[in-house]
Amino acid sequence: MSLHAVTYVYGGSADALAEHRPAHRQFLNELEVAGLLLAAGPYDDDAPAGALLIIEADSPEQALELLDPDPLLVEEVITERAVRPWKVTVGRVR
């Protein structure tokens, strides 16, 4: 398995984001417990709302498949997502 950086862009309504955020976080917690999600969190600036997730998977496609059931994606709050293979060269994520 290798690491993948997944970016989310939120474009749905603020009400939908607030409504489905608890289920989204529970979903991510389950991936973390399973050892598939190393880190995740929202961007903390004034740019368009979004998040970065570091996923362990066999391929970029598998990383996205693991995230397909994310409640925010299902409810169309996540309007864009992208994935790229990622490797740590300085520091560590575990």
N, C-alpha and C. Protein backbone atom coordinates (compact mmCIF):
# COMPACT_ATOMS: atom_id res chain seq x y z
N MET A 1 0.84 -1.18 0.00
CA MET A 1 0.00 0.00 0.00
C MET A 1 0.89 1.24 0.00
N SER A 2 0.35 2.30 -0.57
CA SER A 2 1.07 3.56 -0.59
C SER A 2 0.14 4.69 -0.17
N LEU A 3 0.73 5.86 0.03
CA LEU A 3 -0.05 7.00 0.49
C LEU A 3 -0.60 7.80 -0.68
N HIS A 4 -1.77 8.39 -0.45
CA HIS A 4 -2.43 9.21 -1.46
C HIS A 4 -3.01 10.45 -0.78
N ALA A 5 -2.78 11.59 -1.40
CA ALA A 5 -3.36 12.85 -0.93
C ALA A 5 -4.66 13.08 -1.70
N VAL A 6 -5.74 13.20 -0.96
CA VAL A 6 -7.05 13.45 -1.57
C VAL A 6 -7.49 14.85 -1.15
N THR A 7 -7.89 15.64 -2.11
CA THR A 7 -8.41 16.97 -1.80
C THR A 7 -9.90 17.00 -2.07
N TYR A 8 -10.60 17.66 -1.17
CA TYR A 8 -12.04 17.88 -1.29
C TYR A 8 -12.27 19.38 -1.48
N VAL A 9 -13.25 19.72 -2.28
CA VAL A 9 -13.77 21.08 -2.37
C VAL A 9 -15.24 21.00 -1.99
N TYR A 10 -15.64 21.83 -1.03
CA TYR A 10 -17.03 21.88 -0.61
C TYR A 10 -17.75 22.96 -1.40
N GLY A 11 -18.88 22.59 -2.00
CA GLY A 11 -19.64 23.54 -2.79
C GLY A 11 -21.12 23.48 -2.51
N GLY A 12 -21.52 22.54 -1.68
CA GLY A 12 -22.93 22.44 -1.32
C GLY A 12 -23.30 23.53 -0.33
N SER A 13 -24.52 23.49 0.12
CA SER A 13 -25.00 24.53 1.04
C SER A 13 -24.37 24.37 2.41
N ALA A 14 -24.24 25.50 3.11
CA ALA A 14 -23.71 25.48 4.48
C ALA A 14 -24.61 24.67 5.40
N ASP A 15 -25.92 24.71 5.17
CA ASP A 15 -26.85 23.93 5.99
C ASP A 15 -26.62 22.44 5.79
N ALA A 16 -26.41 22.01 4.55
CA ALA A 16 -26.16 20.59 4.28
C ALA A 16 -24.83 20.16 4.90
N LEU A 17 -23.82 21.02 4.83
CA LEU A 17 -22.54 20.70 5.45
C LEU A 17 -22.71 20.50 6.95
N ALA A 18 -23.40 21.42 7.60
CA ALA A 18 -23.61 21.30 9.05
C ALA A 18 -24.43 20.06 9.39
N GLU A 19 -25.44 19.77 8.60
CA GLU A 19 -26.31 18.63 8.87
C GLU A 19 -25.57 17.30 8.76
N HIS A 20 -24.72 17.16 7.76
CA HIS A 20 -24.08 15.88 7.48
C HIS A 20 -22.65 15.75 8.02
N ARG A 21 -22.12 16.83 8.62
CA ARG A 21 -20.76 16.78 9.16
C ARG A 21 -20.58 15.69 10.21
N PRO A 22 -21.51 15.49 11.16
CA PRO A 22 -21.30 14.42 12.15
C PRO A 22 -21.16 13.04 11.51
N ALA A 23 -21.98 12.72 10.53
CA ALA A 23 -21.87 11.42 9.85
C ALA A 23 -20.57 11.33 9.06
N HIS A 24 -20.16 12.43 8.46
CA HIS A 24 -18.89 12.50 7.72
C HIS A 24 -17.72 12.20 8.66
N ARG A 25 -17.73 12.83 9.82
CA ARG A 25 -16.62 12.61 10.77
C ARG A 25 -16.64 11.19 11.32
N GLN A 26 -17.80 10.63 11.54
CA GLN A 26 -17.89 9.24 11.98
C GLN A 26 -17.33 8.31 10.91
N PHE A 27 -17.68 8.56 9.66
CA PHE A 27 -17.15 7.78 8.54
C PHE A 27 -15.63 7.85 8.51
N LEU A 28 -15.08 9.06 8.63
CA LEU A 28 -13.63 9.21 8.62
C LEU A 28 -12.98 8.53 9.82
N ASN A 29 -13.61 8.63 10.98
CA ASN A 29 -13.09 7.94 12.17
C ASN A 29 -13.01 6.44 11.94
N GLU A 30 -14.00 5.87 11.27
CA GLU A 30 -13.99 4.43 10.99
C GLU A 30 -12.84 4.06 10.05
N LEU A 31 -12.56 4.91 9.06
CA LEU A 31 -11.42 4.66 8.18
C LEU A 31 -10.10 4.76 8.96
N GLU A 32 -10.04 5.69 9.89
CA GLU A 32 -8.83 5.85 10.70
C GLU A 32 -8.61 4.63 11.58
N VAL A 33 -9.65 4.14 12.21
CA VAL A 33 -9.56 2.95 13.06
C VAL A 33 -9.13 1.74 12.23
N ALA A 34 -9.59 1.67 10.99
CA ALA A 34 -9.22 0.57 10.10
C ALA A 34 -7.79 0.70 9.57
N GLY A 35 -7.12 1.81 9.88
CA GLY A 35 -5.75 2.00 9.44
C GLY A 35 -5.61 2.52 8.02
N LEU A 36 -6.70 3.00 7.43
CA LEU A 36 -6.68 3.45 6.04
C LEU A 36 -6.57 4.96 5.89
N LEU A 37 -6.96 5.69 6.92
CA LEU A 37 -6.89 7.14 6.92
C LEU A 37 -5.83 7.56 7.93
N LEU A 38 -4.80 8.24 7.47
CA LEU A 38 -3.73 8.68 8.36
C LEU A 38 -4.00 10.04 8.97
N ALA A 39 -4.60 10.92 8.18
CA ALA A 39 -4.91 12.27 8.66
C ALA A 39 -5.96 12.88 7.76
N ALA A 40 -6.74 13.78 8.33
CA ALA A 40 -7.75 14.50 7.55
C ALA A 40 -8.12 15.77 8.28
N GLY A 41 -8.43 16.78 7.52
CA GLY A 41 -8.90 18.01 8.15
C GLY A 41 -9.18 19.08 7.12
N PRO A 42 -9.97 20.07 7.54
CA PRO A 42 -10.33 21.16 6.64
C PRO A 42 -9.18 22.15 6.51
N TYR A 43 -9.16 22.87 5.40
CA TYR A 43 -8.21 23.96 5.24
C TYR A 43 -8.62 25.08 6.21
N ASP A 44 -7.64 25.82 6.67
CA ASP A 44 -7.88 26.84 7.69
C ASP A 44 -7.47 28.21 7.16
N ASP A 45 -8.11 28.61 6.06
CA ASP A 45 -7.82 29.91 5.49
C ASP A 45 -9.09 30.47 4.84
N ASP A 46 -8.94 31.56 4.12
CA ASP A 46 -10.10 32.21 3.50
C ASP A 46 -10.38 31.75 2.07
N ALA A 47 -9.61 30.78 1.59
CA ALA A 47 -9.84 30.24 0.25
C ALA A 47 -11.13 29.40 0.26
N PRO A 48 -11.59 28.96 -0.90
CA PRO A 48 -12.80 28.13 -0.93
C PRO A 48 -12.68 26.94 0.03
N ALA A 49 -13.78 26.62 0.68
CA ALA A 49 -13.80 25.56 1.69
C ALA A 49 -13.41 24.22 1.08
N GLY A 50 -12.65 23.46 1.83
CA GLY A 50 -12.23 22.15 1.37
C GLY A 50 -11.43 21.46 2.45
N ALA A 51 -10.86 20.31 2.10
CA ALA A 51 -10.12 19.52 3.07
C ALA A 51 -9.05 18.69 2.37
N LEU A 52 -8.11 18.22 3.17
CA LEU A 52 -7.05 17.33 2.71
C LEU A 52 -7.14 16.05 3.52
N LEU A 53 -7.05 14.91 2.84
CA LEU A 53 -7.07 13.61 3.50
C LEU A 53 -5.86 12.82 3.01
N ILE A 54 -5.20 12.12 3.91
CA ILE A 54 -4.09 11.25 3.55
C ILE A 54 -4.58 9.82 3.74
N ILE A 55 -4.68 9.08 2.64
CA ILE A 55 -5.25 7.74 2.60
C ILE A 55 -4.18 6.73 2.23
N GLU A 56 -4.23 5.57 2.87
CA GLU A 56 -3.36 4.47 2.49
C GLU A 56 -4.18 3.50 1.63
N ALA A 57 -3.70 3.28 0.40
CA ALA A 57 -4.43 2.42 -0.55
C ALA A 57 -3.45 1.88 -1.57
N ASP A 58 -3.91 0.89 -2.33
CA ASP A 58 -3.06 0.28 -3.36
C ASP A 58 -2.92 1.15 -4.61
N SER A 59 -3.89 2.04 -4.84
CA SER A 59 -3.88 2.88 -6.04
C SER A 59 -4.71 4.13 -5.78
N PRO A 60 -4.52 5.15 -6.61
CA PRO A 60 -5.38 6.33 -6.48
C PRO A 60 -6.86 5.99 -6.63
N GLU A 61 -7.16 5.09 -7.55
CA GLU A 61 -8.56 4.69 -7.76
C GLU A 61 -9.13 4.05 -6.49
N GLN A 62 -8.35 3.19 -5.84
CA GLN A 62 -8.83 2.56 -4.61
C GLN A 62 -9.01 3.60 -3.51
N ALA A 63 -8.13 4.59 -3.45
CA ALA A 63 -8.29 5.64 -2.45
C ALA A 63 -9.64 6.34 -2.61
N LEU A 64 -10.00 6.67 -3.85
CA LEU A 64 -11.30 7.31 -4.07
C LEU A 64 -12.45 6.37 -3.78
N GLU A 65 -12.31 5.10 -4.13
CA GLU A 65 -13.36 4.11 -3.84
C GLU A 65 -13.61 4.02 -2.34
N LEU A 66 -12.54 4.06 -1.55
CA LEU A 66 -12.70 4.01 -0.09
C LEU A 66 -13.51 5.20 0.42
N LEU A 67 -13.41 6.32 -0.28
CA LEU A 67 -14.10 7.54 0.14
C LEU A 67 -15.46 7.72 -0.51
N ASP A 68 -15.83 6.86 -1.45
CA ASP A 68 -17.12 6.98 -2.13
C ASP A 68 -18.31 7.04 -1.17
N PRO A 69 -18.32 6.28 -0.06
CA PRO A 69 -19.47 6.34 0.84
C PRO A 69 -19.51 7.55 1.77
N ASP A 70 -18.54 8.44 1.67
CA ASP A 70 -18.52 9.62 2.55
C ASP A 70 -19.86 10.34 2.46
N PRO A 71 -20.53 10.54 3.59
CA PRO A 71 -21.84 11.20 3.57
C PRO A 71 -21.83 12.57 2.89
N LEU A 72 -20.74 13.31 3.00
CA LEU A 72 -20.70 14.61 2.33
C LEU A 72 -20.63 14.47 0.83
N LEU A 73 -20.05 13.41 0.33
CA LEU A 73 -20.04 13.15 -1.10
C LEU A 73 -21.41 12.68 -1.56
N VAL A 74 -21.98 11.77 -0.82
CA VAL A 74 -23.31 11.23 -1.15
C VAL A 74 -24.35 12.35 -1.19
N GLU A 75 -24.24 13.31 -0.25
CA GLU A 75 -25.20 14.42 -0.17
C GLU A 75 -24.80 15.61 -1.05
N GLU A 76 -23.77 15.43 -1.87
CA GLU A 76 -23.32 16.42 -2.84
C GLU A 76 -22.83 17.73 -2.21
N VAL A 77 -22.29 17.63 -0.99
CA VAL A 77 -21.63 18.77 -0.37
C VAL A 77 -20.21 18.88 -0.92
N ILE A 78 -19.58 17.73 -1.15
CA ILE A 78 -18.28 17.70 -1.82
C ILE A 78 -18.57 17.78 -3.31
N THR A 79 -18.11 18.86 -3.92
CA THR A 79 -18.41 19.07 -5.34
C THR A 79 -17.23 18.76 -6.24
N GLU A 80 -16.04 18.68 -5.66
CA GLU A 80 -14.85 18.30 -6.43
C GLU A 80 -13.95 17.50 -5.51
N ARG A 81 -13.25 16.54 -6.08
CA ARG A 81 -12.21 15.84 -5.34
C ARG A 81 -11.16 15.37 -6.32
N ALA A 82 -9.96 15.29 -5.82
CA ALA A 82 -8.84 14.86 -6.64
C ALA A 82 -7.93 14.01 -5.77
N VAL A 83 -7.16 13.15 -6.42
CA VAL A 83 -6.24 12.28 -5.69
C VAL A 83 -4.91 12.25 -6.43
N ARG A 84 -3.85 12.22 -5.63
CA ARG A 84 -2.50 12.07 -6.20
C ARG A 84 -1.69 11.18 -5.26
N PRO A 85 -0.87 10.30 -5.82
CA PRO A 85 0.04 9.53 -4.98
C PRO A 85 0.96 10.51 -4.24
N TRP A 86 1.31 10.16 -3.01
CA TRP A 86 2.09 11.06 -2.17
C TRP A 86 3.09 10.26 -1.38
N LYS A 87 4.31 10.78 -1.24
CA LYS A 87 5.30 10.09 -0.42
C LYS A 87 5.94 11.09 0.54
N VAL A 88 6.26 10.60 1.70
CA VAL A 88 6.89 11.41 2.72
C VAL A 88 8.41 11.32 2.52
N THR A 89 9.05 12.47 2.38
CA THR A 89 10.51 12.48 2.27
C THR A 89 11.17 13.12 3.48
N VAL A 90 10.41 13.95 4.20
CA VAL A 90 10.91 14.57 5.42
C VAL A 90 9.79 14.48 6.46
N GLY A 91 10.13 14.04 7.66
CA GLY A 91 9.12 13.91 8.70
C GLY A 91 8.43 12.57 8.62
N ARG A 92 7.29 12.50 9.29
CA ARG A 92 6.53 11.25 9.30
C ARG A 92 5.07 11.54 9.56
N VAL A 93 4.22 10.63 9.16
CA VAL A 93 2.78 10.76 9.38
C VAL A 93 2.25 9.70 10.32
N ARG A 94 3.09 8.84 10.80
CA ARG A 94 2.69 7.82 11.77
C ARG A 94 3.48 7.94 13.02
